[in-house]
Protein backbone atom coordinates (compact mmCIF):
# COMPACT_ATOMS: atom_id res chain seq x y z
CA MET A 1 0.00 0.00 0.00
CA ALA A 2 1.10 3.50 -0.67
CA LYS A 3 1.61 5.83 2.25
CA ALA A 4 -1.06 8.43 2.67
CA SER A 5 0.51 11.82 2.36
CA THR A 6 -0.10 14.04 5.34
CA PRO A 7 -1.22 17.56 4.59
CA LYS A 8 1.38 20.17 5.35
CA THR A 9 0.53 22.39 8.25
CA ALA A 10 0.99 26.12 8.02
CA GLU A 11 4.62 26.70 7.14
CA LYS A 12 6.65 28.99 9.33
CA ALA A 13 7.42 32.37 7.90
CA LYS A 14 11.05 32.47 6.87
CA LYS A 15 13.05 34.99 8.85
CA PRO A 16 15.49 37.36 7.09
CA TYR A 17 18.22 36.41 9.57
CA ARG A 18 19.83 33.31 11.06
CA LEU A 19 20.67 32.83 14.73
CA VAL A 20 23.75 30.83 15.72
CA LYS A 21 24.58 29.92 19.33
CA LYS A 22 28.34 29.89 19.93
CA LYS A 23 30.19 27.59 22.32
CA SER A 24 30.57 30.52 24.73
CA GLY A 25 26.78 30.76 25.03
CA LYS A 26 26.61 34.03 23.11
CA PHE A 27 24.54 34.43 19.96
CA LYS A 28 25.58 35.44 16.46
CA VAL A 29 23.05 36.99 14.10
CA VAL A 30 23.70 36.61 10.37
CA GLN A 31 21.64 38.53 7.82
CA LYS A 32 22.27 38.10 4.09
CA GLY A 33 25.73 36.66 4.77
CA LYS A 34 26.82 39.56 6.98
CA VAL A 35 27.09 39.59 10.76
CA VAL A 36 24.68 41.93 12.54
CA ASN A 37 26.00 43.87 15.57
CA GLY A 38 24.93 46.64 17.91
CA ALA A 39 21.41 47.85 18.56
CA GLU A 40 19.97 45.86 15.66
CA LYS A 41 21.36 42.60 17.12
CA VAL A 42 19.97 43.44 20.56
CA ALA A 43 16.54 44.15 19.07
CA ILE A 44 16.48 40.82 17.19
CA LEU A 45 17.60 38.76 20.19
CA ALA A 46 15.11 40.53 22.48
CA ALA A 47 12.28 39.88 20.00
CA GLU A 48 13.22 36.18 19.93
CA GLY A 49 13.18 36.10 23.74
CA LEU A 50 16.82 35.07 24.01
CA ILE A 51 17.95 38.07 26.05
CA LYS A 52 16.39 40.65 28.34
CA VAL A 53 17.17 44.30 27.68
CA MET A 54 18.14 46.13 30.84
CA LYS A 55 17.68 49.87 31.24
CA PRO A 56 20.61 51.77 32.75
CA LYS A 57 20.17 52.78 36.37
CA ALA A 58 19.42 56.43 36.99
CA LYS A 59 22.33 58.27 38.60
CA ALA A 60 21.70 59.67 42.04
CA ALA A 61 21.54 63.45 42.24
CA PRO A 62 24.86 64.84 43.57
CA ALA A 63 24.73 66.21 47.10
CA ALA A 64 24.71 69.99 47.26
CA ALA A 65 28.16 71.20 48.32
CA GLU A 66 28.17 74.12 50.74
């Protein structure tokens, strides 16, 4: 008997970038053969849920010198 072909479920949308996890545990983002760095990399990794973006702490107001 021939195998019944299973219908394909909704295919995942192909992403314009590729994520690679290095041995060090860090991630590399490759887009169109070029490595993505900086704010764009942080935005992609945060959107994927791989990192949490931390806001810098507010500096305490300097004490008034008399």
